[in-house]
Structure formats: structure tokens, C-alpha cells
Amino acid sequence: MSGVARSGSRKEGTHKSRSDLDVIFAIYGDPEKRDVYPPLIERLKKRLNVRSDKGSSYNVIKIWKNKISCHLVLRTESDFKAQVKSQKYRKE
């Protein structure tokens, strides 16, 4: 199972011009954030030429470039599926 869903104020329509975009994703097998985030951060920096770093306590990956800000959040498969089913997030 894999997927990406948008969440946060942009999904709700309550965002402001400075609001970031939250992108929720899951990876088959539920790997640990500490295993996924460091190599993903390096790839984002090299391939997309963006600034990227982990959030506090490995909760998110922060991505920013110019006036664009985004958070990537790894969820477990079951959490992701439950949140998509409840329509908290919409699978893209």
C-alpha cells in the first residue's frame, strides 16, 4: 500500500497565503521515521533543489523553497487508511 493525502488548512479551505501544505503518506511495511526521513531529506535536497530538514522529534519532514512551505508526514498503513476512510485526508 502506498499513497499520499493532503491535509491541514489548505484542505479545509482555511489557509492563509503563508500556510504550508501538509502531505501525509504511508509506506508498505510501516518502516520507522528514523529510517525513512534521513535518506528522503537528502534526495529532496539533491533532486528537487529545495531546503529540507526533519521536524522536532522526527514528526515531519519540512520542505521549503522561496515562498513555498510543505510538511511530509509518515503514517502507519492502518492510520493512513483509517484517516482516508474517515475523509480526514483525501488520497491523491
Foldseek 3Di string as FASTA:
>chain_A
DKFKWWADCVVVVNDDLQDAIEIEMEDPPGDDLVVPVPVVQVCCCPVVVWHWDADPPNQWIWTDDDSHIYTYGYDYPVVVVVCCVVVNTPTD
